[in-house]
Amino acid sequence: NLSSKPAKHNITAAEQAVAMTALFVA
């Protein structure tokens, strides 16, 4: 039983870029 809802917290492009960079480096 899956339902899609809007995100509770919007993540900016800058935050996504920082997270992806940290993931790639790790």
PDB file of all heavy atoms in Angstrom:
ATOM      1  N   ASN A   1       0.858  -1.185   0.000  1.00  0.00           N
ATOM      2  CA  ASN A   1       0.000   0.000   0.000  1.00  0.00           C
ATOM      3  C   ASN A   1       0.893   1.233   0.000  1.00  0.00           C
ATOM      4  O   ASN A   1       1.353   1.680   1.041  1.00  0.00           O
ATOM      5  CB  ASN A   1      -0.907   0.006   1.229  1.00  0.00           C
ATOM      6  CG  ASN A   1      -1.903  -1.119   1.199  1.00  0.00           C
ATOM      7  OD1 ASN A   1      -2.358  -1.498   0.127  1.00  0.00           O
ATOM      8  ND2 ASN A   1      -2.237  -1.660   2.354  1.00  0.00           N
ATOM      9  N   LEU A   2       1.169   1.759  -1.187  1.00  0.00           N
ATOM     10  CA  LEU A   2       2.025   2.925  -1.325  1.00  0.00           C
ATOM     11  C   LEU A   2       1.194   4.142  -1.669  1.00  0.00           C
ATOM     12  O   LEU A   2       0.246   4.062  -2.440  1.00  0.00           O
ATOM     13  CB  LEU A   2       3.060   2.706  -2.426  1.00  0.00           C
ATOM     14  CG  LEU A   2       4.045   1.572  -2.211  1.00  0.00           C
ATOM     15  CD1 LEU A   2       4.944   1.435  -3.433  1.00  0.00           C
ATOM     16  CD2 LEU A   2       4.873   1.804  -0.980  1.00  0.00           C
ATOM     17  N   SER A   3       1.556   5.243  -1.079  1.00  0.00           N
ATOM     18  CA  SER A   3       0.904   6.495  -1.441  1.00  0.00           C
ATOM     19  C   SER A   3       1.979   7.566  -1.519  1.00  0.00           C
ATOM     20  O   SER A   3       2.912   7.591  -0.726  1.00  0.00           O
ATOM     21  CB  SER A   3      -0.154   6.877  -0.406  1.00  0.00           C
ATOM     22  OG  SER A   3       0.445   7.116   0.841  1.00  0.00           O
ATOM     23  N   SER A   4       1.849   8.423  -2.488  1.00  0.00           N
ATOM     24  CA  SER A   4       2.841   9.487  -2.632  1.00  0.00           C
ATOM     25  C   SER A   4       2.264  10.783  -2.098  1.00  0.00           C
ATOM     26  O   SER A   4       1.099  11.113  -2.324  1.00  0.00           O
ATOM     27  CB  SER A   4       3.251   9.641  -4.091  1.00  0.00           C
ATOM     28  OG  SER A   4       2.134   9.982  -4.866  1.00  0.00           O
ATOM     29  N   LYS A   5       3.077  11.465  -1.362  1.00  0.00           N
ATOM     30  CA  LYS A   5       2.683  12.745  -0.773  1.00  0.00           C
ATOM     31  C   LYS A   5       3.774  13.759  -1.098  1.00  0.00           C
ATOM     32  O   LYS A   5       4.903  13.380  -1.390  1.00  0.00           O
ATOM     33  CB  LYS A   5       2.568  12.618   0.751  1.00  0.00           C
ATOM     34  CG  LYS A   5       1.507  11.655   1.217  1.00  0.00           C
ATOM     35  CD  LYS A   5       1.510  11.578   2.727  1.00  0.00           C
ATOM     36  CE  LYS A   5       0.495  10.546   3.196  1.00  0.00           C
ATOM     37  NZ  LYS A   5       0.522  10.397   4.651  1.00  0.00           N
ATOM     38  N   PRO A   6       3.457  15.025  -1.021  1.00  0.00           N
ATOM     39  CA  PRO A   6       4.502  16.038  -1.205  1.00  0.00           C
ATOM     40  C   PRO A   6       5.568  15.905  -0.115  1.00  0.00           C
ATOM     41  O   PRO A   6       5.293  15.444   0.980  1.00  0.00           O
ATOM     42  CB  PRO A   6       3.769  17.367  -1.081  1.00  0.00           C
ATOM     43  CG  PRO A   6       2.330  17.050  -1.220  1.00  0.00           C
ATOM     44  CD  PRO A   6       2.149  15.624  -0.833  1.00  0.00           C
ATOM     45  N   ALA A   7       6.774  16.303  -0.437  1.00  0.00           N
ATOM     46  CA  ALA A   7       7.861  16.226   0.536  1.00  0.00           C
ATOM     47  C   ALA A   7       7.571  17.119   1.729  1.00  0.00           C
ATOM     48  O   ALA A   7       7.004  18.203   1.597  1.00  0.00           O
ATOM     49  CB  ALA A   7       9.164  16.644  -0.121  1.00  0.00           C
ATOM     50  N   LYS A   8       7.956  16.644   2.914  1.00  0.00           N
ATOM     51  CA  LYS A   8       7.762  17.454   4.120  1.00  0.00           C
ATOM     52  C   LYS A   8       8.741  18.609   4.156  1.00  0.00           C
ATOM     53  O   LYS A   8       8.433  19.688   4.656  1.00  0.00           O
ATOM     54  CB  LYS A   8       7.941  16.584   5.368  1.00  0.00           C
ATOM     55  CG  LYS A   8       6.848  15.574   5.558  1.00  0.00           C
ATOM     56  CD  LYS A   8       7.063  14.756   6.813  1.00  0.00           C
ATOM     57  CE  LYS A   8       5.968  13.729   6.977  1.00  0.00           C
ATOM     58  NZ  LYS A   8       6.164  12.883   8.156  1.00  0.00           N
ATOM     59  N   HIS A   9       9.959  18.373   3.660  1.00  0.00           N
ATOM     60  CA  HIS A   9      10.991  19.405   3.646  1.00  0.00           C
ATOM     61  C   HIS A   9      11.536  19.510   2.227  1.00  0.00           C
ATOM     62  O   HIS A   9      12.004  18.525   1.670  1.00  0.00           O
ATOM     63  CB  HIS A   9      12.130  19.049   4.602  1.00  0.00           C
ATOM     64  CG  HIS A   9      11.680  18.783   6.002  1.00  0.00           C
ATOM     65  ND1 HIS A   9      11.300  19.791   6.858  1.00  0.00           N
ATOM     66  CD2 HIS A   9      11.532  17.630   6.681  1.00  0.00           C
ATOM     67  CE1 HIS A   9      10.947  19.261   8.011  1.00  0.00           C
ATOM     68  NE2 HIS A   9      11.075  17.944   7.931  1.00  0.00           N
ATOM     69  N   ASN A  10      11.499  20.695   1.678  1.00  0.00           N
ATOM     70  CA  ASN A  10      12.076  20.905   0.356  1.00  0.00           C
ATOM     71  C   ASN A  10      13.589  21.007   0.474  1.00  0.00           C
ATOM     72  O   ASN A  10      14.108  21.699   1.344  1.00  0.00           O
ATOM     73  CB  ASN A  10      11.516  22.183  -0.276  1.00  0.00           C
ATOM     74  CG  ASN A  10      10.062  21.997  -0.667  1.00  0.00           C
ATOM     75  OD1 ASN A  10       9.639  20.889  -0.951  1.00  0.00           O
ATOM     76  ND2 ASN A  10       9.312  23.089  -0.671  1.00  0.00           N
ATOM     77  N   ILE A  11      14.296  20.296  -0.378  1.00  0.00           N
ATOM     78  CA  ILE A  11      15.754  20.310  -0.372  1.00  0.00           C
ATOM     79  C   ILE A  11      16.210  21.113  -1.584  1.00  0.00           C
ATOM     80  O   ILE A  11      15.810  20.827  -2.710  1.00  0.00           O
ATOM     81  CB  ILE A  11      16.307  18.868  -0.431  1.00  0.00           C
ATOM     82  CG1 ILE A  11      15.834  18.092   0.793  1.00  0.00           C
ATOM     83  CG2 ILE A  11      17.819  18.884  -0.504  1.00  0.00           C
ATOM     84  CD1 ILE A  11      16.227  16.638   0.777  1.00  0.00           C
ATOM     85  N   THR A  12      17.045  22.082  -1.328  1.00  0.00           N
ATOM     86  CA  THR A  12      17.510  22.951  -2.415  1.00  0.00           C
ATOM     87  C   THR A  12      18.534  22.218  -3.271  1.00  0.00           C
ATOM     88  O   THR A  12      19.098  21.194  -2.878  1.00  0.00           O
ATOM     89  CB  THR A  12      18.145  24.228  -1.854  1.00  0.00           C
ATOM     90  OG1 THR A  12      19.327  23.873  -1.135  1.00  0.00           O
ATOM     91  CG2 THR A  12      17.188  24.981  -0.932  1.00  0.00           C
ATOM     92  N   ALA A  13      18.791  22.774  -4.440  1.00  0.00           N
ATOM     93  CA  ALA A  13      19.775  22.191  -5.346  1.00  0.00           C
ATOM     94  C   ALA A  13      21.165  22.215  -4.719  1.00  0.00           C
ATOM     95  O   ALA A  13      21.956  21.286  -4.905  1.00  0.00           O
ATOM     96  CB  ALA A  13      19.772  22.938  -6.675  1.00  0.00           C
ATOM     97  N   ALA A  14      21.472  23.260  -3.965  1.00  0.00           N
ATOM     98  CA  ALA A  14      22.779  23.358  -3.309  1.00  0.00           C
ATOM     99  C   ALA A  14      22.932  22.245  -2.272  1.00  0.00           C
ATOM    100  O   ALA A  14      23.997  21.619  -2.164  1.00  0.00           O
ATOM    101  CB  ALA A  14      22.943  24.720  -2.658  1.00  0.00           C
ATOM    102  N   GLU A  15      21.885  21.997  -1.497  1.00  0.00           N
ATOM    103  CA  GLU A  15      21.937  20.922  -0.505  1.00  0.00           C
ATOM    104  C   GLU A  15      22.107  19.560  -1.178  1.00  0.00           C
ATOM    105  O   GLU A  15      22.850  18.704  -0.700  1.00  0.00           O
ATOM    106  CB  GLU A  15      20.676  20.926   0.358  1.00  0.00           C
ATOM    107  CG  GLU A  15      20.576  22.106   1.297  1.00  0.00           C
ATOM    108  CD  GLU A  15      19.231  22.188   2.003  1.00  0.00           C
ATOM    109  OE1 GLU A  15      18.208  21.740   1.426  1.00  0.00           O
ATOM    110  OE2 GLU A  15      19.208  22.705   3.134  1.00  0.00           O
ATOM    111  N   GLN A  16      21.429  19.366  -2.304  1.00  0.00           N
ATOM    112  CA  GLN A  16      21.572  18.113  -3.044  1.00  0.00           C
ATOM    113  C   GLN A  16      22.993  17.962  -3.570  1.00  0.00           C
ATOM    114  O   GLN A  16      23.566  16.866  -3.523  1.00  0.00           O
ATOM    115  CB  GLN A  16      20.579  18.073  -4.200  1.00  0.00           C
ATOM    116  CG  GLN A  16      19.144  17.911  -3.759  1.00  0.00           C
ATOM    117  CD  GLN A  16      18.182  17.922  -4.933  1.00  0.00           C
ATOM    118  OE1 GLN A  16      18.598  17.862  -6.088  1.00  0.00           O
ATOM    119  NE2 GLN A  16      16.907  17.997  -4.643  1.00  0.00           N
ATOM    120  N   ALA A  17      23.563  19.051  -4.071  1.00  0.00           N
ATOM    121  CA  ALA A  17      24.924  19.008  -4.595  1.00  0.00           C
ATOM    122  C   ALA A  17      25.918  18.670  -3.488  1.00  0.00           C
ATOM    123  O   ALA A  17      26.835  17.856  -3.694  1.00  0.00           O
ATOM    124  CB  ALA A  17      25.287  20.334  -5.249  1.00  0.00           C
ATOM    125  N   VAL A  18      25.756  19.258  -2.323  1.00  0.00           N
ATOM    126  CA  VAL A  18      26.650  18.969  -1.197  1.00  0.00           C
ATOM    127  C   VAL A  18      26.513  17.513  -0.779  1.00  0.00           C
ATOM    128  O   VAL A  18      27.515  16.825  -0.544  1.00  0.00           O
ATOM    129  CB  VAL A  18      26.353  19.915  -0.008  1.00  0.00           C
ATOM    130  CG1 VAL A  18      27.056  19.452   1.255  1.00  0.00           C
ATOM    131  CG2 VAL A  18      26.757  21.340  -0.352  1.00  0.00           C
ATOM    132  N   ALA A  19      25.292  17.019  -0.703  1.00  0.00           N
ATOM    133  CA  ALA A  19      25.069  15.629  -0.303  1.00  0.00           C
ATOM    134  C   ALA A  19      25.666  14.660  -1.315  1.00  0.00           C
ATOM    135  O   ALA A  19      26.312  13.668  -0.934  1.00  0.00           O
ATOM    136  CB  ALA A  19      23.573  15.379  -0.132  1.00  0.00           C
ATOM    137  N   MET A  20      25.476  14.914  -2.599  1.00  0.00           N
ATOM    138  CA  MET A  20      26.018  14.027  -3.633  1.00  0.00           C
ATOM    139  C   MET A  20      27.545  14.058  -3.630  1.00  0.00           C
ATOM    140  O   MET A  20      28.198  13.023  -3.784  1.00  0.00           O
ATOM    141  CB  MET A  20      25.480  14.417  -5.006  1.00  0.00           C
ATOM    142  CG  MET A  20      24.000  14.151  -5.175  1.00  0.00           C
ATOM    143  SD  MET A  20      23.560  12.430  -4.975  1.00  0.00           S
ATOM    144  CE  MET A  20      24.187  11.751  -6.471  1.00  0.00           C
ATOM    145  N   THR A  21      28.128  15.245  -3.438  1.00  0.00           N
ATOM    146  CA  THR A  21      29.585  15.359  -3.370  1.00  0.00           C
ATOM    147  C   THR A  21      30.130  14.569  -2.191  1.00  0.00           C
ATOM    148  O   THR A  21      31.119  13.836  -2.320  1.00  0.00           O
ATOM    149  CB  THR A  21      30.007  16.835  -3.262  1.00  0.00           C
ATOM    150  OG1 THR A  21      29.472  17.546  -4.392  1.00  0.00           O
ATOM    151  CG2 THR A  21      31.504  16.989  -3.206  1.00  0.00           C
ATOM    152  N   ALA A  22      29.487  14.694  -1.035  1.00  0.00           N
ATOM    153  CA  ALA A  22      29.926  13.948   0.143  1.00  0.00           C
ATOM    154  C   ALA A  22      29.811  12.449  -0.089  1.00  0.00           C
ATOM    155  O   ALA A  22      30.703  11.681   0.299  1.00  0.00           O
ATOM    156  CB  ALA A  22      29.098  14.364   1.358  1.00  0.00           C
ATOM    157  N   LEU A  23      28.759  12.028  -0.745  1.00  0.00           N
ATOM    158  CA  LEU A  23      28.564  10.607  -1.030  1.00  0.00           C
ATOM    159  C   LEU A  23      29.657  10.095  -1.967  1.00  0.00           C
ATOM    160  O   LEU A  23      30.251   9.041  -1.719  1.00  0.00           O
ATOM    161  CB  LEU A  23      27.176  10.390  -1.647  1.00  0.00           C
ATOM    162  CG  LEU A  23      26.799   8.958  -1.977  1.00  0.00           C
ATOM    163  CD1 LEU A  23      26.646   8.144  -0.710  1.00  0.00           C
ATOM    164  CD2 LEU A  23      25.512   8.934  -2.767  1.00  0.00           C
ATOM    165  N   PHE A  24      29.925  10.828  -3.031  1.00  0.00           N
ATOM    166  CA  PHE A  24      30.957  10.409  -3.980  1.00  0.00           C
ATOM    167  C   PHE A  24      32.334  10.369  -3.326  1.00  0.00           C
ATOM    168  O   PHE A  24      33.110   9.450  -3.560  1.00  0.00           O
ATOM    169  CB  PHE A  24      30.985  11.324  -5.205  1.00  0.00           C
ATOM    170  CG  PHE A  24      29.812  11.127  -6.120  1.00  0.00           C
ATOM    171  CD1 PHE A  24      29.168  12.211  -6.678  1.00  0.00           C
ATOM    172  CD2 PHE A  24      29.343   9.863  -6.431  1.00  0.00           C
ATOM    173  CE1 PHE A  24      28.083  12.041  -7.531  1.00  0.00           C
ATOM    174  CE2 PHE A  24      28.263   9.682  -7.277  1.00  0.00           C
ATOM    175  CZ  PHE A  24      27.636  10.768  -7.824  1.00  0.00           C
ATOM    176  N   VAL A  25      32.644  11.365  -2.502  1.00  0.00           N
ATOM    177  CA  VAL A  25      33.943  11.391  -1.832  1.00  0.00           C
ATOM    178  C   VAL A  25      34.057  10.221  -0.852  1.00  0.00           C
ATOM    179  O   VAL A  25      35.099   9.567  -0.776  1.00  0.00           O
ATOM    180  CB  VAL A  25      34.159  12.741  -1.111  1.00  0.00           C
ATOM    181  CG1 VAL A  25      35.339  12.692  -0.162  1.00  0.00           C
ATOM    182  CG2 VAL A  25      34.336  13.852  -2.131  1.00  0.00           C
ATOM    183  N   ALA A  26      32.970   9.937  -0.136  1.00  0.00           N
ATOM    184  CA  ALA A  26      33.007   8.846   0.836  1.00  0.00           C
ATOM    185  C   ALA A  26      33.178   7.490   0.167  1.00  0.00           C
ATOM    186  O   ALA A  26      33.828   6.596   0.711  1.00  0.00           O
ATOM    187  CB  ALA A  26      31.719   8.854   1.669  1.00  0.00           C
TER     188      ALA A  26
END
